[in-house]
Amino acid sequence: MRIELIVFTLIFSFTAFLLSFPNFGPTALALINEHGLDARFFFTAFFIPHIAGILVAGLFVDYTVRRMRVARVVAIGLIAATFALNITPLAFVPVIGFLLGILVVLWGSLIARMIKPWKRGKILALSAALANVFLFFMSSLDLPAFHLTALSAFSITPVLLFQK
């Protein structure tokens, strides 16, 4: 049961962060509006490094022994980069894209290796459902970008709790 909770938390945290922020979420829209940024450039600056992060992680994930440790380091980088966005938004969007690409591959690897096949669908469904509840909550708020980035960063913090 413990490993299922770890993987559920990792997937929920990643999905909540992705939906609420860089994947056309309310946090990204608030940053774009408050800083007068070009939306196409903003999202391109996210998605190209995101693809690169997926490719790089795909090359190295099978050689990574401590995947949860790597996930925690990535989570710390995501939290720091998310708060830094309020100072210089476009400088840190590519960093977030790249780090999230790594996290995608890590949780895919963890679920494939550690979760029994008949439990994978339930864990993915529950994680995605709760992440969408978080997105609904974020979308209903009328807050400045700084507060929304803090909430987005908060969604990724549960990854830091696990020592596996």
C-alpha atoms as a PDB file:
ATOM      1  CA  MET A   1       0.000   0.000   0.000  1.00  0.00           C
ATOM      2  CA  ARG A   2       2.844   2.422   0.764  1.00  0.00           C
ATOM      3  CA  ILE A   3       4.281   2.357  -2.756  1.00  0.00           C
ATOM      4  CA  GLU A   4       0.820   2.961  -4.213  1.00  0.00           C
ATOM      5  CA  LEU A   5       0.494   6.057  -2.000  1.00  0.00           C
ATOM      6  CA  ILE A   6       3.913   7.297  -3.096  1.00  0.00           C
ATOM      7  CA  VAL A   7       3.147   6.878  -6.796  1.00  0.00           C
ATOM      8  CA  PHE A   8      -0.347   8.359  -6.371  1.00  0.00           C
ATOM      9  CA  THR A   9       1.144  11.423  -4.646  1.00  0.00           C
ATOM     10  CA  LEU A  10       3.811  11.835  -7.298  1.00  0.00           C
ATOM     11  CA  ILE A  11       1.305  11.645 -10.153  1.00  0.00           C
ATOM     12  CA  PHE A  12      -1.219  13.895  -8.408  1.00  0.00           C
ATOM     13  CA  SER A  13       1.419  16.510  -7.598  1.00  0.00           C
ATOM     14  CA  PHE A  14       2.816  16.532 -11.109  1.00  0.00           C
ATOM     15  CA  THR A  15      -0.616  16.658 -12.759  1.00  0.00           C
ATOM     16  CA  ALA A  16      -1.954  19.360 -10.414  1.00  0.00           C
ATOM     17  CA  PHE A  17       1.116  21.484 -11.108  1.00  0.00           C
ATOM     18  CA  LEU A  18       0.961  20.902 -14.861  1.00  0.00           C
ATOM     19  CA  LEU A  19      -2.749  21.690 -15.121  1.00  0.00           C
ATOM     20  CA  SER A  20      -2.719  24.714 -12.829  1.00  0.00           C
ATOM     21  CA  PHE A  21       0.311  26.332 -14.341  1.00  0.00           C
ATOM     22  CA  PRO A  22       2.256  25.672 -17.524  1.00  0.00           C
ATOM     23  CA  ASN A  23      -0.331  23.755 -19.516  1.00  0.00           C
ATOM     24  CA  PHE A  24      -2.471  26.844 -20.240  1.00  0.00           C
ATOM     25  CA  GLY A  25      -3.528  26.999 -16.586  1.00  0.00           C
ATOM     26  CA  PRO A  26      -4.745  29.976 -14.563  1.00  0.00           C
ATOM     27  CA  THR A  27      -1.277  30.702 -13.168  1.00  0.00           C
ATOM     28  CA  ALA A  28       0.271  30.970 -16.639  1.00  0.00           C
ATOM     29  CA  LEU A  29      -2.563  33.174 -17.846  1.00  0.00           C
ATOM     30  CA  ALA A  30      -2.190  35.475 -14.828  1.00  0.00           C
ATOM     31  CA  LEU A  31       1.570  35.784 -15.413  1.00  0.00           C
ATOM     32  CA  ILE A  32       1.043  36.509 -19.107  1.00  0.00           C
ATOM     33  CA  ASN A  33      -1.578  39.178 -18.359  1.00  0.00           C
ATOM     34  CA  GLU A  34       0.266  40.866 -15.472  1.00  0.00           C
ATOM     35  CA  HIS A  35       3.620  41.007 -17.273  1.00  0.00           C
ATOM     36  CA  GLY A  36       2.230  41.736 -20.744  1.00  0.00           C
ATOM     37  CA  LEU A  37       3.884  38.677 -22.275  1.00  0.00           C
ATOM     38  CA  ASP A  38       3.277  37.125 -25.675  1.00  0.00           C
ATOM     39  CA  ALA A  39       1.278  33.951 -24.932  1.00  0.00           C
ATOM     40  CA  ARG A  40       2.615  32.037 -27.926  1.00  0.00           C
ATOM     41  CA  PHE A  41       6.194  32.754 -26.950  1.00  0.00           C
ATOM     42  CA  PHE A  42       5.472  31.879 -23.304  1.00  0.00           C
ATOM     43  CA  PHE A  43       3.993  28.475 -24.118  1.00  0.00           C
ATOM     44  CA  THR A  44       6.615  27.724 -26.781  1.00  0.00           C
ATOM     45  CA  ALA A  45       9.282  28.549 -24.192  1.00  0.00           C
ATOM     46  CA  PHE A  46       7.664  25.900 -21.993  1.00  0.00           C
ATOM     47  CA  PHE A  47       6.867  23.119 -24.457  1.00  0.00           C
ATOM     48  CA  ILE A  48      10.159  22.905 -26.389  1.00  0.00           C
ATOM     49  CA  PRO A  49      12.269  22.375 -23.224  1.00  0.00           C
ATOM     50  CA  HIS A  50       9.518  20.076 -21.918  1.00  0.00           C
ATOM     51  CA  ILE A  51      10.000  17.820 -24.938  1.00  0.00           C
ATOM     52  CA  ALA A  52      13.773  17.995 -24.437  1.00  0.00           C
ATOM     53  CA  GLY A  53      13.388  17.038 -20.757  1.00  0.00           C
ATOM     54  CA  ILE A  54      11.303  14.016 -21.717  1.00  0.00           C
ATOM     55  CA  LEU A  55      13.909  12.924 -24.270  1.00  0.00           C
ATOM     56  CA  VAL A  56      16.877  13.406 -21.929  1.00  0.00           C
ATOM     57  CA  ALA A  57      15.149  11.624 -19.044  1.00  0.00           C
ATOM     58  CA  GLY A  58      14.148   8.818 -21.395  1.00  0.00           C
ATOM     59  CA  LEU A  59      17.816   8.233 -22.192  1.00  0.00           C
ATOM     60  CA  PHE A  60      18.890   8.047 -18.545  1.00  0.00           C
ATOM     61  CA  VAL A  61      15.920   6.734 -16.530  1.00  0.00           C
ATOM     62  CA  ASP A  62      16.936   3.090 -16.813  1.00  0.00           C
ATOM     63  CA  TYR A  63      20.320   3.930 -15.298  1.00  0.00           C
ATOM     64  CA  THR A  64      18.812   5.861 -12.396  1.00  0.00           C
ATOM     65  CA  VAL A  65      18.687   3.839  -9.197  1.00  0.00           C
ATOM     66  CA  ARG A  66      17.119   6.383  -6.821  1.00  0.00           C
ATOM     67  CA  ARG A  67      14.187   7.703  -8.816  1.00  0.00           C
ATOM     68  CA  MET A  68      12.379   9.243  -5.828  1.00  0.00           C
ATOM     69  CA  ARG A  69      15.522  11.123  -4.853  1.00  0.00           C
ATOM     70  CA  VAL A  70      15.717  12.515  -8.387  1.00  0.00           C
ATOM     71  CA  ALA A  71      12.000  13.382  -8.213  1.00  0.00           C
ATOM     72  CA  ARG A  72      12.596  15.337  -4.977  1.00  0.00           C
ATOM     73  CA  VAL A  73      15.478  17.274  -6.531  1.00  0.00           C
ATOM     74  CA  VAL A  74      13.303  18.047  -9.562  1.00  0.00           C
ATOM     75  CA  ALA A  75      10.461  19.156  -7.247  1.00  0.00           C
ATOM     76  CA  ILE A  76      12.794  21.540  -5.394  1.00  0.00           C
ATOM     77  CA  GLY A  77      13.923  22.964  -8.748  1.00  0.00           C
ATOM     78  CA  LEU A  78      10.306  23.386  -9.850  1.00  0.00           C
ATOM     79  CA  ILE A  79       9.334  25.182  -6.655  1.00  0.00           C
ATOM     80  CA  ALA A  80      12.324  27.539  -6.849  1.00  0.00           C
ATOM     81  CA  ALA A  81      11.798  28.261 -10.551  1.00  0.00           C
ATOM     82  CA  THR A  82       8.077  28.866  -9.989  1.00  0.00           C
ATOM     83  CA  PHE A  83       8.734  31.567  -7.400  1.00  0.00           C
ATOM     84  CA  ALA A  84      11.478  33.068  -9.586  1.00  0.00           C
ATOM     85  CA  LEU A  85       8.917  33.521 -12.363  1.00  0.00           C
ATOM     86  CA  ASN A  86       7.531  36.520 -10.517  1.00  0.00           C
ATOM     87  CA  ILE A  87      10.872  38.295 -10.981  1.00  0.00           C
ATOM     88  CA  THR A  88      11.752  37.308 -14.544  1.00  0.00           C
ATOM     89  CA  PRO A  89       8.975  35.188 -16.064  1.00  0.00           C
ATOM     90  CA  LEU A  90      10.495  34.189 -19.367  1.00  0.00           C
ATOM     91  CA  ALA A  91      13.863  33.216 -17.900  1.00  0.00           C
ATOM     92  CA  PHE A  92      12.424  30.373 -15.834  1.00  0.00           C
ATOM     93  CA  VAL A  93       9.629  29.020 -18.050  1.00  0.00           C
ATOM     94  CA  PRO A  94      12.119  26.846 -20.029  1.00  0.00           C
ATOM     95  CA  VAL A  95      13.590  25.521 -16.771  1.00  0.00           C
ATOM     96  CA  ILE A  96      10.138  24.491 -15.581  1.00  0.00           C
ATOM     97  CA  GLY A  97       9.404  22.854 -18.927  1.00  0.00           C
ATOM     98  CA  PHE A  98      12.613  20.827 -18.848  1.00  0.00           C
ATOM     99  CA  LEU A  99      12.175  19.725 -15.223  1.00  0.00           C
ATOM    100  CA  LEU A 100       8.564  18.682 -15.782  1.00  0.00           C
ATOM    101  CA  GLY A 101       9.711  16.580 -18.731  1.00  0.00           C
ATOM    102  CA  ILE A 102      12.024  14.703 -16.392  1.00  0.00           C
ATOM    103  CA  LEU A 103       9.217  14.210 -13.881  1.00  0.00           C
ATOM    104  CA  VAL A 104       6.926  12.733 -16.551  1.00  0.00           C
ATOM    105  CA  VAL A 105       9.433  10.010 -17.332  1.00  0.00           C
ATOM    106  CA  LEU A 106      10.171   9.349 -13.657  1.00  0.00           C
ATOM    107  CA  TRP A 107       6.561   8.750 -12.687  1.00  0.00           C
ATOM    108  CA  GLY A 108       5.970   6.677 -15.801  1.00  0.00           C
ATOM    109  CA  SER A 109       8.920   4.520 -14.844  1.00  0.00           C
ATOM    110  CA  LEU A 110       7.824   4.245 -11.229  1.00  0.00           C
ATOM    111  CA  ILE A 111       4.296   3.210 -12.083  1.00  0.00           C
ATOM    112  CA  ALA A 112       5.496   0.653 -14.622  1.00  0.00           C
ATOM    113  CA  ARG A 113       7.995  -0.923 -12.231  1.00  0.00           C
ATOM    114  CA  MET A 114       6.317  -0.674  -8.860  1.00  0.00           C
ATOM    115  CA  ILE A 115       2.547  -0.844  -9.306  1.00  0.00           C
ATOM    116  CA  LYS A 116       0.726  -4.044 -10.121  1.00  0.00           C
ATOM    117  CA  PRO A 117      -0.941  -3.813 -13.534  1.00  0.00           C
ATOM    118  CA  TRP A 118      -4.480  -4.131 -12.165  1.00  0.00           C
ATOM    119  CA  LYS A 119      -3.915  -1.156  -9.810  1.00  0.00           C
ATOM    120  CA  ARG A 120      -2.358   1.264 -12.326  1.00  0.00           C
ATOM    121  CA  GLY A 121      -5.612   2.483 -13.828  1.00  0.00           C
ATOM    122  CA  LYS A 122      -7.142   3.230 -10.428  1.00  0.00           C
ATOM    123  CA  ILE A 123      -4.098   5.160  -9.276  1.00  0.00           C
ATOM    124  CA  LEU A 124      -3.905   7.166 -12.493  1.00  0.00           C
ATOM    125  CA  ALA A 125      -7.646   7.896 -12.485  1.00  0.00           C
ATOM    126  CA  LEU A 126      -7.733   9.028  -8.859  1.00  0.00           C
ATOM    127  CA  SER A 127      -4.603  11.156  -9.295  1.00  0.00           C
ATOM    128  CA  ALA A 128      -5.977  12.849 -12.409  1.00  0.00           C
ATOM    129  CA  ALA A 129      -9.424  13.379 -10.860  1.00  0.00           C
ATOM    130  CA  LEU A 130      -7.994  15.084  -7.770  1.00  0.00           C
ATOM    131  CA  ALA A 131      -5.616  17.154  -9.912  1.00  0.00           C
ATOM    132  CA  ASN A 132      -8.620  18.408 -11.866  1.00  0.00           C
ATOM    133  CA  VAL A 133     -10.340  19.331  -8.588  1.00  0.00           C
ATOM    134  CA  PHE A 134      -7.219  21.349  -7.767  1.00  0.00           C
ATOM    135  CA  LEU A 135      -7.402  22.981 -11.217  1.00  0.00           C
ATOM    136  CA  PHE A 136     -11.076  23.856 -10.647  1.00  0.00           C
ATOM    137  CA  PHE A 137     -10.137  25.405  -7.294  1.00  0.00           C
ATOM    138  CA  MET A 138      -7.299  27.418  -8.882  1.00  0.00           C
ATOM    139  CA  SER A 139      -9.542  28.559 -11.741  1.00  0.00           C
ATOM    140  CA  SER A 140     -12.162  29.868  -9.344  1.00  0.00           C
ATOM    141  CA  LEU A 141      -9.710  32.172  -7.569  1.00  0.00           C
ATOM    142  CA  ASP A 142      -9.250  35.773  -8.571  1.00  0.00           C
ATOM    143  CA  LEU A 143      -5.744  36.318  -7.248  1.00  0.00           C
ATOM    144  CA  PRO A 144      -2.615  38.047  -8.534  1.00  0.00           C
ATOM    145  CA  ALA A 145       0.008  35.927 -10.289  1.00  0.00           C
ATOM    146  CA  PHE A 146       2.284  35.753  -7.248  1.00  0.00           C
ATOM    147  CA  HIS A 147      -0.396  34.066  -5.146  1.00  0.00           C
ATOM    148  CA  LEU A 148      -1.289  31.667  -7.950  1.00  0.00           C
ATOM    149  CA  THR A 149       2.368  30.709  -8.459  1.00  0.00           C
ATOM    150  CA  ALA A 150       2.623  30.014  -4.726  1.00  0.00           C
ATOM    151  CA  LEU A 151      -0.398  27.706  -4.907  1.00  0.00           C
ATOM    152  CA  SER A 152       1.008  25.979  -7.991  1.00  0.00           C
ATOM    153  CA  ALA A 153       4.328  25.478  -6.213  1.00  0.00           C
ATOM    154  CA  PHE A 154       2.487  24.156  -3.165  1.00  0.00           C
ATOM    155  CA  SER A 155       0.878  21.436  -5.291  1.00  0.00           C
ATOM    156  CA  ILE A 156       4.285  19.895  -6.039  1.00  0.00           C
ATOM    157  CA  THR A 157       5.513  19.867  -2.402  1.00  0.00           C
ATOM    158  CA  PRO A 158       4.089  16.426  -1.441  1.00  0.00           C
ATOM    159  CA  VAL A 159       6.817  14.859  -3.595  1.00  0.00           C
ATOM    160  CA  LEU A 160       9.301  16.048  -0.959  1.00  0.00           C
ATOM    161  CA  LEU A 161       7.708  13.902   1.759  1.00  0.00           C
ATOM    162  CA  PHE A 162       8.752  10.463   0.597  1.00  0.00           C
ATOM    163  CA  GLN A 163      12.135   8.896   1.303  1.00  0.00           C
ATOM    164  CA  LYS A 164      11.903   5.770  -0.920  1.00  0.00           C
END
